[in-house]
Structures are given as C-alpha cells and as structure tokens.
Amino acid sequence: MSYFIQTDVTLKWHENAGYSEMLERFVPYMANKGWTLRYGLQPVIGDLRELTHLWEIPTMDGVTSVLEEITSSPDSELQEILSPMKALVHNERIRLLRRTSYSR
C-alpha cells in the first residue's frame, strides 16, 4: 500500500520563480529517498502563492527520518538545495495520507 505526503506551502510575495528553481533540484533528491512527486499544483484563480504537492511514498517506514534529514541534515548537497527556503516560504503544512477504500 502506498502512502502520500501532502504539503501545502504559502510562499512569500513574488517568490514563485525562486521556489520553482529550488524544487527543480529538490524533487530528484527526494526521488533518491523513494519519494515520488505525483503532483505540484498551483491555483489558476486565487492566491497564486499557495502551492500543494502530493508525494507518493512506498511505506510509512522512514518518513520521520527523511523529514528529520530535511530539517537538520549536515548533508552539504541538501543544505545547498534548501538554503533559499527561509527567504521563499511563509508557511508550510505537511500531512500523511492513505488511499480510501473507494479510490483507485
């Protein structure tokens, strides 16, 4: 059974381009951890700073360790990728989801 990590991000004003550049590098890094970005979504109408990402993960095993690595890893590649995060992101919410019985 697959699980999903949903992130809802609110960017600071005029930071969409910088955030997109950061994610271009972050997505392949996370793929090496077994996370697959299924959707990166932005409103067409509404607050264009609000983004939603849906990452598919094969199991719940290791979710905590991967999230801890993201926030406190000494890995220089990861730190370099995420270094612009504070300047770009106003708020982020993360949820762990699973499919419903009626979803395919």
N, C-alpha and C. Protein backbone atom coordinates (compact mmCIF):
# COMPACT_ATOMS: atom_id res chain seq x y z
N MET A 1 0.84 -1.18 0.00
CA MET A 1 0.00 0.00 0.00
C MET A 1 0.88 1.24 0.00
N SER A 2 0.59 2.15 -0.88
CA SER A 2 1.31 3.41 -0.92
C SER A 2 0.69 4.40 0.05
N TYR A 3 1.50 5.32 0.48
CA TYR A 3 1.05 6.44 1.30
C TYR A 3 1.43 7.71 0.57
N PHE A 4 0.88 8.81 1.04
CA PHE A 4 1.12 10.09 0.39
C PHE A 4 1.46 11.13 1.44
N ILE A 5 2.37 12.00 1.08
CA ILE A 5 2.68 13.17 1.89
C ILE A 5 2.13 14.36 1.12
N GLN A 6 1.24 15.12 1.75
CA GLN A 6 0.71 16.33 1.14
C GLN A 6 1.36 17.53 1.83
N THR A 7 1.96 18.40 1.04
CA THR A 7 2.48 19.64 1.59
C THR A 7 1.69 20.79 0.99
N ASP A 8 1.26 21.68 1.86
CA ASP A 8 0.60 22.91 1.45
C ASP A 8 1.53 24.05 1.83
N VAL A 9 2.00 24.78 0.84
CA VAL A 9 3.01 25.81 1.02
C VAL A 9 2.42 27.16 0.64
N THR A 10 2.64 28.15 1.49
CA THR A 10 2.34 29.53 1.14
C THR A 10 3.67 30.26 1.01
N LEU A 11 3.90 30.78 -0.18
CA LEU A 11 5.16 31.47 -0.44
C LEU A 11 5.08 32.93 -0.03
N LYS A 12 6.22 33.53 0.16
CA LYS A 12 6.27 34.97 0.36
C LYS A 12 5.99 35.63 -1.00
N TRP A 13 5.61 36.90 -0.96
CA TRP A 13 5.26 37.62 -2.19
C TRP A 13 6.39 37.58 -3.21
N HIS A 14 6.03 37.28 -4.45
CA HIS A 14 6.94 37.32 -5.61
C HIS A 14 8.08 36.30 -5.53
N GLU A 15 7.86 35.19 -4.85
CA GLU A 15 8.92 34.19 -4.70
C GLU A 15 8.63 32.89 -5.45
N ASN A 16 7.61 32.87 -6.31
CA ASN A 16 7.26 31.66 -7.04
C ASN A 16 8.42 31.15 -7.91
N ALA A 17 9.09 32.03 -8.61
CA ALA A 17 10.18 31.60 -9.51
C ALA A 17 11.33 30.99 -8.72
N GLY A 18 11.71 31.62 -7.62
CA GLY A 18 12.79 31.10 -6.80
C GLY A 18 12.44 29.75 -6.19
N TYR A 19 11.19 29.60 -5.77
CA TYR A 19 10.76 28.34 -5.19
C TYR A 19 10.76 27.23 -6.25
N SER A 20 10.31 27.56 -7.45
CA SER A 20 10.31 26.59 -8.54
C SER A 20 11.73 26.12 -8.85
N GLU A 21 12.66 27.04 -8.86
CA GLU A 21 14.07 26.68 -9.11
C GLU A 21 14.58 25.73 -8.03
N MET A 22 14.23 26.01 -6.78
CA MET A 22 14.66 25.15 -5.68
C MET A 22 14.06 23.75 -5.82
N LEU A 23 12.77 23.67 -6.16
CA LEU A 23 12.11 22.36 -6.29
C LEU A 23 12.63 21.57 -7.47
N GLU A 24 13.09 22.24 -8.51
CA GLU A 24 13.69 21.53 -9.66
C GLU A 24 14.86 20.68 -9.19
N ARG A 25 15.55 21.12 -8.18
CA ARG A 25 16.69 20.37 -7.64
C ARG A 25 16.26 19.43 -6.50
N PHE A 26 15.25 19.83 -5.75
CA PHE A 26 14.81 19.05 -4.59
C PHE A 26 14.07 17.77 -4.99
N VAL A 27 13.27 17.83 -6.04
CA VAL A 27 12.48 16.67 -6.47
C VAL A 27 13.38 15.47 -6.80
N PRO A 28 14.44 15.62 -7.59
CA PRO A 28 15.32 14.47 -7.84
C PRO A 28 16.02 13.96 -6.57
N TYR A 29 16.36 14.89 -5.67
CA TYR A 29 16.98 14.48 -4.41
C TYR A 29 16.04 13.57 -3.63
N MET A 30 14.76 13.97 -3.56
CA MET A 30 13.77 13.18 -2.82
C MET A 30 13.47 11.86 -3.54
N ALA A 31 13.55 11.85 -4.86
CA ALA A 31 13.35 10.60 -5.61
C ALA A 31 14.38 9.56 -5.17
N ASN A 32 15.59 10.01 -4.86
CA ASN A 32 16.61 9.09 -4.37
C ASN A 32 16.28 8.54 -2.99
N LYS A 33 15.36 9.18 -2.28
CA LYS A 33 14.90 8.71 -0.97
C LYS A 33 13.64 7.85 -1.09
N GLY A 34 13.17 7.65 -2.32
CA GLY A 34 11.97 6.83 -2.54
C GLY A 34 10.69 7.63 -2.63
N TRP A 35 10.77 8.95 -2.59
CA TRP A 35 9.59 9.79 -2.67
C TRP A 35 9.38 10.21 -4.13
N THR A 36 8.15 10.06 -4.63
CA THR A 36 7.82 10.44 -5.99
C THR A 36 6.83 11.59 -5.96
N LEU A 37 7.19 12.71 -6.57
CA LEU A 37 6.26 13.82 -6.65
C LEU A 37 5.21 13.50 -7.70
N ARG A 38 3.99 13.26 -7.27
CA ARG A 38 2.89 12.96 -8.20
C ARG A 38 2.27 14.23 -8.75
N TYR A 39 2.11 15.23 -7.90
CA TYR A 39 1.51 16.49 -8.34
C TYR A 39 2.16 17.65 -7.61
N GLY A 40 2.44 18.70 -8.36
CA GLY A 40 2.78 20.00 -7.82
C GLY A 40 1.73 20.93 -8.40
N LEU A 41 0.87 21.47 -7.55
CA LEU A 41 -0.30 22.21 -8.03
C LEU A 41 -0.29 23.66 -7.53
N GLN A 42 -0.73 24.55 -8.41
CA GLN A 42 -0.85 25.97 -8.09
C GLN A 42 -2.19 26.46 -8.62
N PRO A 43 -2.87 27.32 -7.88
CA PRO A 43 -4.16 27.83 -8.35
C PRO A 43 -4.02 28.64 -9.64
N VAL A 44 -5.03 28.55 -10.47
CA VAL A 44 -5.13 29.41 -11.65
C VAL A 44 -5.87 30.68 -11.25
N ILE A 45 -6.84 30.52 -10.37
CA ILE A 45 -7.59 31.64 -9.80
C ILE A 45 -7.44 31.55 -8.29
N GLY A 46 -7.17 32.65 -7.66
CA GLY A 46 -6.99 32.66 -6.21
C GLY A 46 -5.59 33.12 -5.86
N ASP A 47 -5.15 32.76 -4.68
CA ASP A 47 -3.84 33.17 -4.19
C ASP A 47 -2.77 32.33 -4.85
N LEU A 48 -2.04 32.90 -5.78
CA LEU A 48 -1.05 32.17 -6.56
C LEU A 48 0.18 31.77 -5.73
N ARG A 49 0.25 32.26 -4.50
CA ARG A 49 1.36 31.90 -3.62
C ARG A 49 1.12 30.55 -2.94
N GLU A 50 -0.08 30.02 -3.02
CA GLU A 50 -0.43 28.78 -2.33
C GLU A 50 -0.20 27.59 -3.26
N LEU A 51 0.70 26.71 -2.87
CA LEU A 51 1.03 25.53 -3.67
C LEU A 51 0.71 24.27 -2.88
N THR A 52 0.32 23.22 -3.60
CA THR A 52 0.09 21.92 -2.98
C THR A 52 0.93 20.90 -3.72
N HIS A 53 1.62 20.06 -2.95
CA HIS A 53 2.42 18.97 -3.52
C HIS A 53 1.90 17.66 -2.96
N LEU A 54 1.83 16.66 -3.81
CA LEU A 54 1.44 15.33 -3.37
C LEU A 54 2.57 14.37 -3.74
N TRP A 55 3.25 13.89 -2.71
CA TRP A 55 4.37 12.96 -2.86
C TRP A 55 3.89 11.56 -2.53
N GLU A 56 4.22 10.60 -3.37
CA GLU A 56 3.88 9.21 -3.08
C GLU A 56 5.10 8.55 -2.45
N ILE A 57 4.84 7.78 -1.38
CA ILE A 57 5.91 7.05 -0.69
C ILE A 57 5.46 5.60 -0.56
N PRO A 58 6.39 4.65 -0.69
CA PRO A 58 6.01 3.24 -0.71
C PRO A 58 5.52 2.72 0.64
N THR A 59 6.10 3.20 1.74
CA THR A 59 5.70 2.77 3.08
C THR A 59 5.83 3.95 4.03
N MET A 60 5.29 3.79 5.22
CA MET A 60 5.45 4.83 6.24
C MET A 60 6.82 4.72 6.91
N ASP A 61 7.48 3.59 6.72
CA ASP A 61 8.80 3.41 7.31
C ASP A 61 9.74 4.49 6.81
N GLY A 62 10.40 5.13 7.70
CA GLY A 62 11.39 6.11 7.32
C GLY A 62 10.87 7.51 7.08
N VAL A 63 9.56 7.73 7.16
CA VAL A 63 9.03 9.07 6.92
C VAL A 63 9.65 10.05 7.92
N THR A 64 9.65 9.67 9.18
CA THR A 64 10.19 10.56 10.22
C THR A 64 11.67 10.84 9.98
N SER A 65 12.43 9.80 9.64
CA SER A 65 13.87 10.01 9.44
C SER A 65 14.13 10.90 8.22
N VAL A 66 13.35 10.75 7.15
CA VAL A 66 13.54 11.60 5.97
C VAL A 66 13.18 13.05 6.31
N LEU A 67 12.09 13.26 7.04
CA LEU A 67 11.71 14.62 7.41
C LEU A 67 12.75 15.24 8.34
N GLU A 68 13.29 14.45 9.27
CA GLU A 68 14.35 14.96 10.14
C GLU A 68 15.59 15.30 9.33
N GLU A 69 15.90 14.48 8.34
CA GLU A 69 17.06 14.74 7.49
C GLU A 69 16.88 16.07 6.75
N ILE A 70 15.69 16.31 6.27
CA ILE A 70 15.41 17.55 5.54
C ILE A 70 15.63 18.76 6.43
N THR A 71 15.22 18.66 7.70
CA THR A 71 15.30 19.81 8.58
C THR A 71 16.63 19.98 9.30
N SER A 72 17.43 18.89 9.41
CA SER A 72 18.64 19.03 10.21
C SER A 72 19.85 18.29 9.67
N SER A 73 19.83 17.88 8.45
CA SER A 73 20.93 17.11 7.89
C SER A 73 22.18 17.96 7.67
N PRO A 74 23.34 17.39 7.97
CA PRO A 74 24.58 18.09 7.63
C PRO A 74 24.98 17.87 6.16
N ASP A 75 24.17 17.09 5.42
CA ASP A 75 24.45 16.81 4.01
C ASP A 75 24.58 18.13 3.26
N SER A 76 25.76 18.41 2.76
CA SER A 76 26.01 19.70 2.13
C SER A 76 25.19 19.90 0.86
N GLU A 77 24.93 18.82 0.10
CA GLU A 77 24.11 18.94 -1.11
C GLU A 77 22.69 19.36 -0.73
N LEU A 78 22.12 18.69 0.27
CA LEU A 78 20.76 19.02 0.70
C LEU A 78 20.69 20.43 1.26
N GLN A 79 21.65 20.79 2.09
CA GLN A 79 21.65 22.14 2.67
C GLN A 79 21.77 23.21 1.59
N GLU A 80 22.56 22.93 0.57
CA GLU A 80 22.72 23.89 -0.53
C GLU A 80 21.42 24.02 -1.32
N ILE A 81 20.74 22.89 -1.55
CA ILE A 81 19.45 22.92 -2.26
C ILE A 81 18.43 23.73 -1.48
N LEU A 82 18.35 23.48 -0.17
CA LEU A 82 17.31 24.10 0.66
C LEU A 82 17.70 25.45 1.24
N SER A 83 18.89 25.93 0.97
CA SER A 83 19.34 27.19 1.57
C SER A 83 18.41 28.38 1.30
N PRO A 84 17.73 28.47 0.16
CA PRO A 84 16.83 29.61 -0.05
C PRO A 84 15.47 29.49 0.66
N MET A 85 15.19 28.34 1.27
CA MET A 85 13.85 28.06 1.82
C MET A 85 13.32 29.18 2.72
N LYS A 86 14.10 29.65 3.68
CA LYS A 86 13.61 30.68 4.62
C LYS A 86 13.21 31.96 3.90
N ALA A 87 13.91 32.30 2.86
CA ALA A 87 13.61 33.54 2.13
C ALA A 87 12.39 33.39 1.23
N LEU A 88 11.98 32.16 0.93
CA LEU A 88 10.91 31.91 -0.03
C LEU A 88 9.57 31.55 0.60
N VAL A 89 9.60 30.81 1.70
CA VAL A 89 8.38 30.20 2.25
C VAL A 89 7.87 30.97 3.46
N HIS A 90 6.59 31.30 3.42
CA HIS A 90 5.92 31.94 4.55
C HIS A 90 5.41 30.89 5.53
N ASN A 91 4.82 29.80 4.99
CA ASN A 91 4.20 28.79 5.83
C ASN A 91 4.16 27.46 5.08
N GLU A 92 4.25 26.34 5.83
CA GLU A 92 4.13 25.03 5.22
C GLU A 92 3.41 24.10 6.18
N ARG A 93 2.50 23.30 5.62
CA ARG A 93 1.77 22.30 6.40
C ARG A 93 2.00 20.95 5.73
N ILE A 94 2.26 19.93 6.53
CA ILE A 94 2.54 18.59 6.00
C ILE A 94 1.55 17.61 6.60
N ARG A 95 0.99 16.74 5.74
CA ARG A 95 0.07 15.70 6.21
C ARG A 95 0.44 14.37 5.59
N LEU A 96 0.26 13.29 6.34
CA LEU A 96 0.45 11.93 5.85
C LEU A 96 -0.93 11.37 5.53
N LEU A 97 -1.10 10.87 4.29
CA LEU A 97 -2.40 10.39 3.82
C LEU A 97 -2.30 8.96 3.31
N ARG A 98 -3.43 8.29 3.25
CA ARG A 98 -3.51 6.99 2.59
C ARG A 98 -4.75 6.99 1.71
N ARG A 99 -4.76 6.06 0.77
CA ARG A 99 -5.93 5.97 -0.13
C ARG A 99 -7.15 5.49 0.62
N THR A 100 -8.30 5.96 0.17
CA THR A 100 -9.56 5.45 0.70
C THR A 100 -9.90 4.13 0.03
N SER A 101 -10.84 3.41 0.58
CA SER A 101 -11.22 2.10 0.01
C SER A 101 -11.84 2.25 -1.38
N TYR A 102 -12.37 3.41 -1.71
CA TYR A 102 -13.05 3.61 -2.99
C TYR A 102 -12.17 4.31 -4.02
N SER A 103 -10.92 4.58 -3.69
CA SER A 103 -10.02 5.26 -4.61
C SER A 103 -9.19 4.24 -5.37
N ARG A 104 -8.93 4.51 -6.63
CA ARG A 104 -8.12 3.58 -7.43
C ARG A 104 -6.79 4.17 -7.63
